[in-house]
Amino acid sequence: MENSVKIGNIFERKVYKLLEDELKNNRLFVNPNYCKLYHKKGYFSKDRQSNIIVDISMEVFLPGANEYSLLIIVECKNYKHSVPVDDVEEFFAKIQQISGANIKGIVVTTNSFQQGALNFSKSKGLGLIRILDENKLKWVLKRAVTGLITYEEIEKSKSNIYDGLITENYSNNQIDFLSFVNEQYSYSAHQFFEYLIKDDINSFGDENAEELICQPGDNLTFVPFVEKEVIEKYSQDILRSIKYQSGIVSIRDISDYLEARDGIKFNYCDSLGYDELGFEILGKISFEPTMIFISKKANENKHREKFTIAHEIGHHILNHMQFMNGEYYAENDFENNNFDVIELEDIKRIEWQANYFASNLLLPKTSIIHELCKILIEDDIRDKGYGALFVDRQECNINNYYKVTNKLKLKFDVSRKAISFRLKNLGLLIDSRDKQT
């Protein structure tokens, strides 16, 4: 019993910290200047003639008022099983006993909700939130990013959020926040609170509503588009610093340089485990302080190891710590370089940028163009109007493709996949094999 109370208190503090951070950073819909957040505060019950102690409460005040006009009560359930409808009914009965202003209720859990709990909350206007284990996340995003998920994206993801709320063994390696209130689903704490209290705020009058609703401004960040030329310059600056001339790029020299310049720690581990699909994790990065972890077991292929390290370095150089606290790079990411399965455009952009940086770093533009031209001349491979190097399903073109990429592999000590990615982005390789049936 004592241990379960301790675990419950830890979860309550985690939820409190999440709400506190969102509130301080203007990401919780309501203006923090008119809110007070509490852990384990008591509220008077006429039925009991004593205080009811609640897990977390948020009091919302009208401008100039000394008494709150809206009270939000949060109940935390750190269960190893689904939250039953009985618990939600009991929570609703408890908040009905609290005297005073308008009261809204939220149940937060680490697990799922029974279908009956979802139905009951819908009928009573209660909010439900599920927080997934962030240790299983591929991208540990800062909430500024999830706060900017568009309503269109939410609309497309309703069934996914619904499944996440009622399925015990549900997993999602992108998002750790799932919510439902007033017939609305969301990944975003900001949107959830908007759905929860917007009508109440508006009922206080236009002037008060304008004061009470927060204006996020510059505190909400998003992943910007970065020109290819800018990413190229970042890689060139590093290559210049290590006095790179031509041929193979020394990833060890780059690691040593960044360790000295930026204090990055590179850690080579026997294994980093597996992701939720069973693919080996090749590498991962965490920030504050910046640490890059590389799996020796998963990176026995030296080409794979170099690209993994360069990819993680890319997250650091491109300042992705603005948008996430950490990330891991798995075997299927290296094999496919395909992020179309990712739902969030911000994550697609982050990963593409890191991959593009890695290919620029390992295959410098001037060097690879020089070597490609030399090989094409030596082997008398001519542009027939389709590009410098063209491959389709014809044997002659396939042979040329392998002949050229084999020589480039030896010259730069990288994989064929990395070379193909780089040449395509430079417009020097046209690969129409996937387009042909």
Protein backbone atom coordinates (compact mmCIF):
# COMPACT_ATOMS: atom_id res chain seq x y z
CA MET A 1 0.00 0.00 0.00
CA GLU A 2 2.78 2.40 0.95
CA ASN A 3 4.59 1.67 -2.32
CA SER A 4 1.46 2.30 -4.42
CA VAL A 5 0.94 5.64 -2.65
CA LYS A 6 4.56 6.55 -3.40
CA ILE A 7 4.14 5.64 -7.08
CA GLY A 8 0.92 7.64 -7.21
CA ASN A 9 2.61 10.70 -5.71
CA ILE A 10 5.44 10.49 -8.25
CA PHE A 11 2.91 10.44 -11.09
CA GLU A 12 0.98 13.36 -9.58
CA ARG A 13 4.16 15.42 -9.43
CA LYS A 14 4.91 14.52 -13.06
CA VAL A 15 1.45 15.70 -14.16
CA TYR A 16 1.77 18.83 -12.02
CA LYS A 17 5.16 19.64 -13.63
CA LEU A 18 3.72 19.11 -17.10
CA LEU A 19 0.85 21.52 -16.41
CA GLU A 20 3.15 23.99 -14.68
CA ASP A 21 5.54 24.08 -17.65
CA GLU A 22 2.68 24.49 -20.12
CA LEU A 23 1.13 27.26 -18.07
CA LYS A 24 4.39 29.19 -17.60
CA ASN A 25 5.11 29.02 -21.32
CA ASN A 26 1.66 30.26 -22.41
CA ARG A 27 0.76 26.87 -23.87
CA LEU A 28 -2.30 25.98 -21.81
CA PHE A 29 -4.90 28.23 -23.50
CA VAL A 30 -5.51 30.28 -20.34
CA ASN A 31 -3.36 33.28 -19.39
CA PRO A 32 -0.94 32.26 -16.57
CA ASN A 33 -1.33 35.69 -14.95
CA TYR A 34 -4.86 34.72 -13.96
CA CYS A 35 -4.19 31.13 -12.85
CA LYS A 36 -2.90 29.40 -9.75
CA LEU A 37 -1.84 25.77 -9.77
CA TYR A 38 -1.82 23.57 -6.65
CA HIS A 39 -0.86 20.05 -5.61
CA LYS A 40 -2.91 18.43 -2.81
CA LYS A 41 -5.06 21.44 -1.96
CA GLY A 42 -8.31 21.05 -0.01
CA TYR A 43 -11.72 22.40 -1.08
CA PHE A 44 -14.73 22.62 1.23
CA SER A 45 -17.55 20.08 0.91
CA LYS A 46 -20.94 20.94 2.42
CA ASP A 47 -21.81 17.24 2.51
CA ARG A 48 -18.71 16.34 4.51
CA GLN A 49 -18.43 19.66 6.35
CA SER A 50 -14.70 19.38 5.72
CA ASN A 51 -12.22 19.76 2.90
CA ILE A 52 -11.82 17.33 0.05
CA ILE A 53 -8.13 17.03 -0.85
CA VAL A 54 -7.63 16.83 -4.62
CA ASP A 55 -4.56 15.66 -6.54
CA ILE A 56 -4.07 18.82 -8.63
CA SER A 57 -6.17 21.94 -9.02
CA MET A 58 -6.03 25.00 -11.22
CA GLU A 59 -7.91 28.12 -10.18
CA VAL A 60 -8.81 30.69 -12.83
CA PHE A 61 -9.49 34.28 -11.70
CA LEU A 62 -11.25 37.11 -13.47
CA PRO A 63 -9.02 40.20 -13.86
CA GLY A 64 -8.95 42.08 -10.55
CA ALA A 65 -10.84 39.36 -8.62
CA ASN A 66 -9.69 37.82 -5.35
CA GLU A 67 -11.81 34.68 -5.67
CA TYR A 68 -11.51 32.20 -8.51
CA SER A 69 -14.36 31.95 -11.02
CA LEU A 70 -13.39 28.62 -12.55
CA LEU A 71 -11.88 25.60 -10.84
CA ILE A 72 -10.26 22.71 -12.71
CA ILE A 73 -9.74 19.52 -10.68
CA VAL A 74 -7.29 16.86 -11.91
CA GLU A 75 -7.43 13.26 -10.69
CA CYS A 76 -4.32 11.13 -11.38
CA LYS A 77 -4.56 7.36 -11.91
CA ASN A 78 -1.26 5.50 -12.26
CA TYR A 79 -2.73 2.05 -12.90
CA LYS A 80 -1.37 -1.12 -14.45
CA HIS A 81 -4.88 -1.73 -15.81
CA SER A 82 -7.59 0.27 -17.53
CA VAL A 83 -9.34 2.95 -15.51
CA PRO A 84 -12.83 1.54 -14.80
CA VAL A 85 -16.03 3.53 -15.15
CA ASP A 86 -16.59 3.24 -11.37
CA ASP A 87 -13.49 5.38 -10.72
CA VAL A 88 -14.64 8.07 -13.12
CA GLU A 89 -18.13 8.07 -11.59
CA GLU A 90 -16.62 8.34 -8.10
CA PHE A 91 -14.46 11.26 -9.20
CA PHE A 92 -17.47 13.04 -10.71
CA ALA A 93 -19.42 12.56 -7.47
CA LYS A 94 -16.50 14.01 -5.52
CA ILE A 95 -16.19 17.20 -7.57
CA GLN A 96 -19.96 17.72 -7.32
CA GLN A 97 -19.54 18.04 -3.55
CA ILE A 98 -17.07 20.93 -3.82
CA SER A 99 -18.70 24.26 -3.12
CA GLY A 100 -18.21 27.41 -5.13
CA ALA A 101 -17.64 28.32 -8.74
CA ASN A 102 -17.81 26.45 -12.01
CA ILE A 103 -15.88 23.20 -11.74
CA LYS A 104 -14.31 21.13 -14.50
CA GLY A 105 -12.88 17.66 -13.97
CA ILE A 106 -10.02 15.83 -15.67
CA VAL A 107 -8.83 12.25 -15.17
CA VAL A 108 -5.21 11.59 -16.15
CA THR A 109 -3.80 8.08 -16.43
CA THR A 110 -0.76 6.21 -17.68
CA ASN A 111 -2.98 3.39 -18.89
CA SER A 112 -6.19 3.18 -20.91
CA PHE A 113 -9.81 3.88 -20.02
CA GLN A 114 -12.62 1.35 -20.15
CA GLN A 115 -15.17 2.13 -22.84
CA GLY A 116 -17.74 2.81 -20.12
CA ALA A 117 -15.44 5.43 -18.59
CA LEU A 118 -15.17 7.16 -21.96
CA ASN A 119 -18.96 7.11 -22.41
CA PHE A 120 -19.56 8.45 -18.89
CA SER A 121 -17.04 11.26 -19.29
CA LYS A 122 -18.70 12.23 -22.57
CA SER A 123 -22.10 12.55 -20.88
CA LYS A 124 -20.71 14.61 -17.97
CA GLY A 125 -18.22 16.82 -19.79
CA LEU A 126 -15.21 15.35 -18.01
CA GLY A 127 -11.81 15.43 -19.69
CA LEU A 128 -9.68 12.31 -20.14
CA ILE A 129 -5.92 12.34 -20.70
CA ARG A 130 -3.53 9.44 -21.23
CA ILE A 131 0.20 10.05 -20.86
CA LEU A 132 2.31 7.35 -22.52
CA ASP A 133 5.73 6.23 -21.34
CA GLU A 134 8.21 8.72 -22.80
CA ASN A 135 10.97 6.10 -22.52
CA LYS A 136 9.32 4.36 -25.48
CA LEU A 137 9.16 7.47 -27.63
CA LYS A 138 11.30 7.70 -30.74
CA TRP A 139 11.07 11.49 -30.61
CA VAL A 140 10.86 13.05 -27.15
CA LEU A 141 9.23 16.21 -28.41
CA LYS A 142 8.91 19.50 -26.62
CA ARG A 143 5.26 20.37 -26.29
CA ALA A 144 5.69 23.51 -28.32
CA VAL A 145 5.75 21.23 -31.35
CA THR A 146 2.68 19.17 -30.42
CA GLY A 147 0.93 22.40 -29.48
CA LEU A 148 1.04 23.42 -33.12
CA ILE A 149 -0.55 20.27 -34.50
CA THR A 150 -3.22 21.59 -36.83
CA TYR A 151 -6.91 20.92 -36.42
CA GLU A 152 -6.80 19.14 -39.78
CA GLU A 153 -4.16 16.76 -38.47
CA ILE A 154 -6.25 16.11 -35.35
CA GLU A 155 -9.29 15.42 -37.53
CA LYS A 156 -7.34 12.77 -39.44
CA SER A 157 -6.04 11.23 -36.20
CA LYS A 158 -9.29 10.92 -34.22
CA SER A 159 -9.49 7.14 -34.55
CA ASN A 160 -5.83 6.80 -33.53
CA ILE A 161 -6.35 8.89 -30.40
CA TYR A 162 -9.54 6.97 -29.59
CA ASP A 163 -7.66 3.65 -29.88
CA GLY A 164 -4.92 5.03 -27.65
CA LEU A 165 -7.40 5.99 -24.96
CA ILE A 166 -9.17 2.60 -24.75
CA THR A 167 -6.42 0.10 -25.71
CA GLU A 168 -4.20 -1.15 -22.86
CA ASN A 169 -1.17 -2.18 -24.92
CA TYR A 170 -1.33 0.80 -27.27
CA SER A 171 1.97 2.38 -28.28
CA ASN A 172 2.87 5.48 -30.25
CA ASN A 173 6.52 6.41 -30.72
CA GLN A 174 5.75 10.02 -31.67
CA ILE A 175 3.30 11.35 -29.10
CA ASP A 176 2.96 10.85 -25.35
CA PHE A 177 -0.22 12.91 -24.83
CA LEU A 178 -3.69 11.67 -25.87
CA SER A 179 -6.89 13.42 -24.78
CA PHE A 180 -10.65 13.58 -25.13
CA VAL A 181 -13.24 16.11 -23.92
CA ASN A 182 -16.58 17.40 -25.21
CA GLU A 183 -16.51 15.13 -28.28
CA GLN A 184 -13.04 16.42 -29.23
CA TYR A 185 -9.78 14.44 -29.49
CA SER A 186 -6.32 15.99 -29.32
CA TYR A 187 -2.58 15.35 -28.99
CA SER A 188 -2.11 18.88 -27.67
CA ALA A 189 -2.51 20.13 -24.08
CA HIS A 190 -3.28 23.61 -25.44
CA GLN A 191 -6.11 22.34 -27.64
CA PHE A 192 -7.42 20.07 -24.89
CA PHE A 193 -7.82 22.98 -22.47
CA GLU A 194 -9.40 25.08 -25.20
CA TYR A 195 -12.01 22.36 -25.74
CA LEU A 196 -12.48 22.03 -21.97
CA ILE A 197 -12.97 25.64 -20.85
CA LYS A 198 -13.43 27.89 -23.88
CA ASP A 199 -17.21 28.17 -23.39
CA ASP A 200 -16.75 29.02 -19.70
CA ILE A 201 -14.16 31.69 -20.50
CA ASN A 202 -16.40 33.21 -23.16
CA SER A 203 -19.32 33.30 -20.72
CA PHE A 204 -17.35 35.82 -18.61
CA GLY A 205 -17.78 38.42 -21.36
CA ASP A 206 -15.70 39.52 -24.33
CA GLU A 207 -13.43 41.83 -22.37
CA ASN A 208 -12.60 39.23 -19.72
CA ALA A 209 -12.20 36.49 -22.33
CA GLU A 210 -9.68 38.59 -24.21
CA GLU A 211 -7.64 38.93 -21.01
CA LEU A 212 -8.00 35.31 -19.91
CA ILE A 213 -7.14 33.56 -23.17
CA CYS A 214 -3.37 33.43 -23.56
CA GLN A 215 -1.60 34.78 -26.60
CA PRO A 216 1.21 32.27 -27.26
CA GLY A 217 3.26 34.57 -29.49
CA ASP A 218 6.88 33.54 -29.90
CA ASN A 219 6.82 31.01 -27.06
CA LEU A 220 5.33 28.43 -29.37
CA THR A 221 8.08 27.16 -31.64
CA PHE A 222 7.88 25.06 -34.76
CA VAL A 223 10.40 23.39 -37.01
CA PRO A 224 11.30 25.88 -39.75
CA PHE A 225 12.15 25.08 -43.34
CA VAL A 226 15.91 25.24 -43.82
CA GLU A 227 17.36 25.78 -47.29
CA LYS A 228 19.57 22.99 -48.60
CA GLU A 229 22.33 25.55 -49.10
CA VAL A 230 22.22 26.43 -45.40
CA ILE A 231 22.55 22.80 -44.33
CA GLU A 232 25.37 22.42 -46.85
CA LYS A 233 27.17 25.39 -45.29
CA TYR A 234 26.92 23.87 -41.80
CA SER A 235 28.63 20.71 -43.04
CA GLN A 236 31.26 22.67 -45.00
CA ASP A 237 32.15 24.71 -41.91
CA ILE A 238 32.86 21.52 -39.97
CA LEU A 239 34.87 19.99 -42.83
CA ARG A 240 36.90 23.17 -43.09
CA SER A 241 37.56 23.08 -39.34
CA ILE A 242 38.99 19.55 -39.52
CA LYS A 243 41.01 20.53 -42.62
CA TYR A 244 39.27 18.06 -44.93
CA GLN A 245 40.74 17.96 -48.45
CA SER A 246 39.22 15.09 -50.42
CA GLY A 247 38.18 11.44 -50.31
CA ILE A 248 37.07 9.74 -47.11
CA VAL A 249 35.70 12.00 -44.38
CA SER A 250 37.01 11.06 -40.94
CA ILE A 251 34.03 10.78 -38.61
CA ARG A 252 36.49 10.36 -35.73
CA ASP A 253 38.09 13.74 -36.48
CA ILE A 254 34.65 15.33 -36.56
CA SER A 255 33.65 13.71 -33.24
CA ASP A 256 36.87 14.87 -31.58
CA TYR A 257 36.39 18.39 -32.96
CA LEU A 258 32.79 18.67 -31.72
CA GLU A 259 33.68 17.18 -28.35
CA ALA A 260 36.31 19.89 -27.92
CA ARG A 261 34.24 22.73 -29.39
CA ASP A 262 30.75 21.98 -28.05
CA GLY A 263 31.35 19.52 -25.23
CA ILE A 264 29.38 16.74 -26.92
CA LYS A 265 29.93 13.35 -25.31
CA PHE A 266 30.08 10.32 -27.65
CA ASN A 267 29.26 7.04 -25.94
CA TYR A 268 29.81 3.67 -27.64
CA CYS A 269 27.57 1.05 -26.02
CA ASP A 270 27.41 -2.69 -26.61
CA SER A 271 23.70 -2.36 -27.40
CA LEU A 272 20.94 0.26 -27.22
CA GLY A 273 18.13 -2.30 -27.39
CA TYR A 274 15.25 -2.48 -29.83
CA ASP A 275 12.37 -0.24 -30.84
CA GLU A 276 8.70 -1.20 -30.57
CA LEU A 277 8.81 -2.97 -33.96
CA GLY A 278 11.82 -5.07 -32.99
CA PHE A 279 14.40 -3.14 -35.01
CA GLU A 280 17.76 -2.54 -33.38
CA ILE A 281 18.43 1.01 -32.24
CA LEU A 282 21.56 2.27 -34.02
CA GLY A 283 22.06 5.51 -32.17
CA LYS A 284 20.31 8.13 -30.10
CA ILE A 285 20.81 11.68 -28.90
CA SER A 286 19.77 13.47 -25.73
CA PHE A 287 20.16 17.15 -24.97
CA GLU A 288 21.03 19.30 -21.97
CA PRO A 289 23.79 18.14 -21.94
CA THR A 290 24.18 16.84 -25.48
CA MET A 291 25.11 13.16 -25.51
CA ILE A 292 25.24 10.84 -28.52
CA PHE A 293 25.01 7.09 -27.98
CA ILE A 294 26.10 4.58 -30.62
CA SER A 295 25.38 0.84 -30.52
CA LYS A 296 28.42 -1.29 -31.32
CA LYS A 297 26.27 -4.37 -31.94
CA ALA A 298 23.85 -2.66 -34.32
CA ASN A 299 26.61 -0.80 -36.16
CA GLU A 300 29.02 -3.62 -36.99
CA ASN A 301 28.78 -2.35 -40.58
CA LYS A 302 31.20 0.61 -40.62
CA HIS A 303 29.17 2.42 -43.29
CA ARG A 304 26.08 2.25 -41.12
CA GLU A 305 27.99 3.49 -38.08
CA LYS A 306 29.33 6.55 -39.91
CA PHE A 307 25.91 7.56 -41.17
CA THR A 308 24.34 6.98 -37.74
CA ILE A 309 26.89 9.25 -36.05
CA ALA A 310 26.56 11.89 -38.77
CA HIS A 311 22.74 11.78 -38.48
CA GLU A 312 22.83 12.36 -34.71
CA ILE A 313 25.42 15.13 -35.13
CA GLY A 314 22.98 16.71 -37.58
CA HIS A 315 20.36 17.05 -34.84
CA HIS A 316 22.91 18.92 -32.74
CA ILE A 317 24.25 21.20 -35.47
CA LEU A 318 20.75 22.07 -36.72
CA ASN A 319 19.70 23.01 -33.18
CA HIS A 320 16.88 20.47 -32.99
CA MET A 321 17.05 20.70 -29.20
CA GLN A 322 14.58 23.58 -29.65
CA PHE A 323 11.96 21.05 -30.63
CA MET A 324 12.82 17.83 -28.82
CA ASN A 325 14.63 16.54 -25.76
CA GLY A 326 15.95 13.46 -27.52
CA GLU A 327 15.61 11.03 -30.43
CA TYR A 328 16.74 7.59 -31.53
CA TYR A 329 17.71 6.29 -34.97
CA ALA A 330 16.74 2.68 -35.71
CA GLU A 331 17.74 0.01 -38.20
CA ASN A 332 14.66 0.50 -40.38
CA ASP A 333 15.33 4.25 -40.56
CA PHE A 334 18.80 3.58 -41.98
CA GLU A 335 17.53 0.99 -44.44
CA ASN A 336 14.57 2.98 -45.74
CA ASN A 337 15.21 6.69 -45.14
CA ASN A 338 11.44 6.89 -45.55
CA PHE A 339 9.47 9.07 -43.15
CA ASP A 340 6.16 9.00 -44.99
CA VAL A 341 4.70 6.83 -42.22
CA ILE A 342 5.25 9.65 -39.73
CA GLU A 343 2.08 11.60 -39.00
CA LEU A 344 3.62 14.88 -37.92
CA GLU A 345 5.11 17.18 -40.53
CA ASP A 346 7.50 18.68 -37.97
CA ILE A 347 9.07 15.27 -37.33
CA LYS A 348 9.38 14.55 -41.04
CA ARG A 349 11.21 17.83 -41.41
CA ILE A 350 13.52 17.17 -38.44
CA GLU A 351 14.51 13.73 -39.73
CA TRP A 352 14.96 14.82 -43.35
CA GLN A 353 17.20 17.67 -42.22
CA ALA A 354 19.36 15.32 -40.11
CA ASN A 355 19.69 12.87 -43.00
CA TYR A 356 20.49 15.61 -45.50
CA PHE A 357 23.13 17.01 -43.17
CA ALA A 358 24.67 13.53 -42.75
CA SER A 359 24.90 12.99 -46.50
CA ASN A 360 26.45 16.44 -46.96
CA LEU A 361 28.99 15.77 -44.24
CA LEU A 362 30.09 12.36 -45.50
CA LEU A 363 29.86 13.20 -49.20
CA PRO A 364 31.00 16.82 -49.66
CA LYS A 365 29.46 18.42 -52.75
CA THR A 366 32.65 19.48 -54.52
CA SER A 367 34.36 16.15 -53.89
CA ILE A 368 31.52 13.89 -54.99
CA ILE A 369 30.79 15.92 -58.13
CA HIS A 370 34.49 15.80 -59.05
CA GLU A 371 34.72 12.05 -58.51
CA LEU A 372 31.45 11.34 -60.31
CA CYS A 373 32.50 13.32 -63.37
CA LYS A 374 35.86 11.54 -63.43
CA ILE A 375 34.19 8.10 -63.29
CA LEU A 376 31.64 8.97 -65.97
CA ILE A 377 34.43 10.11 -68.31
CA GLU A 378 36.63 7.08 -67.57
CA ASP A 379 33.78 4.64 -68.19
CA ASP A 380 32.35 6.60 -71.13
CA ILE A 381 28.92 6.93 -69.52
CA ARG A 382 27.11 9.75 -71.26
CA ASP A 383 24.09 11.83 -70.41
CA LYS A 384 21.38 10.79 -72.86
CA GLY A 385 19.02 13.51 -71.72
CA TYR A 386 17.92 11.85 -68.48
CA GLY A 387 20.65 13.15 -66.16
CA ALA A 388 24.29 12.49 -65.36
CA LEU A 389 23.48 9.02 -64.01
CA PHE A 390 20.23 7.34 -64.96
CA VAL A 391 18.92 3.95 -63.86
CA ASP A 392 15.79 2.10 -64.85
CA ARG A 393 15.16 -1.62 -65.33
CA GLN A 394 17.32 -1.95 -68.41
CA GLU A 395 20.42 -4.08 -67.81
CA CYS A 396 22.85 -1.56 -69.33
CA ASN A 397 21.64 1.24 -67.06
CA ILE A 398 21.61 -1.01 -64.00
CA ASN A 399 25.20 -2.05 -64.75
CA ASN A 400 26.28 1.57 -65.08
CA TYR A 401 24.57 2.45 -61.81
CA TYR A 402 26.37 -0.30 -59.87
CA LYS A 403 29.68 0.38 -61.61
CA VAL A 404 29.60 4.07 -60.65
CA THR A 405 28.26 3.64 -57.12
CA ASN A 406 30.76 0.83 -56.39
CA LYS A 407 33.64 3.16 -57.22
CA LEU A 408 32.13 5.98 -55.16
CA LYS A 409 31.65 3.60 -52.22
CA LEU A 410 35.35 2.81 -52.25
CA LYS A 411 36.34 6.45 -52.70
CA PHE A 412 34.25 7.78 -49.78
CA ASP A 413 33.84 4.65 -47.63
CA VAL A 414 30.08 4.99 -47.34
CA SER A 415 27.11 2.81 -48.32
CA ARG A 416 25.47 2.71 -51.74
CA LYS A 417 22.27 3.96 -50.09
CA ALA A 418 24.05 7.05 -48.77
CA ILE A 419 25.58 7.73 -52.19
CA SER A 420 22.22 7.33 -53.93
CA PHE A 421 20.53 9.67 -51.44
CA ARG A 422 23.23 12.30 -51.99
CA LEU A 423 23.27 12.06 -55.79
CA LYS A 424 19.48 12.26 -55.98
CA ASN A 425 19.43 15.40 -53.84
CA LEU A 426 22.09 16.95 -56.05
CA GLY A 427 20.01 16.11 -59.13
CA LEU A 428 22.80 13.88 -60.45
CA LEU A 429 20.93 10.56 -60.21
CA ILE A 430 17.56 9.81 -61.74
CA ASP A 431 16.21 6.48 -60.47
CA SER A 432 13.01 5.49 -62.21
CA ARG A 433 12.95 1.84 -61.11
CA ASP A 434 10.28 2.36 -58.46
CA LYS A 435 8.05 4.19 -60.95
CA GLN A 436 8.05 1.32 -63.41
CA THR A 437 5.67 -1.62 -63.14
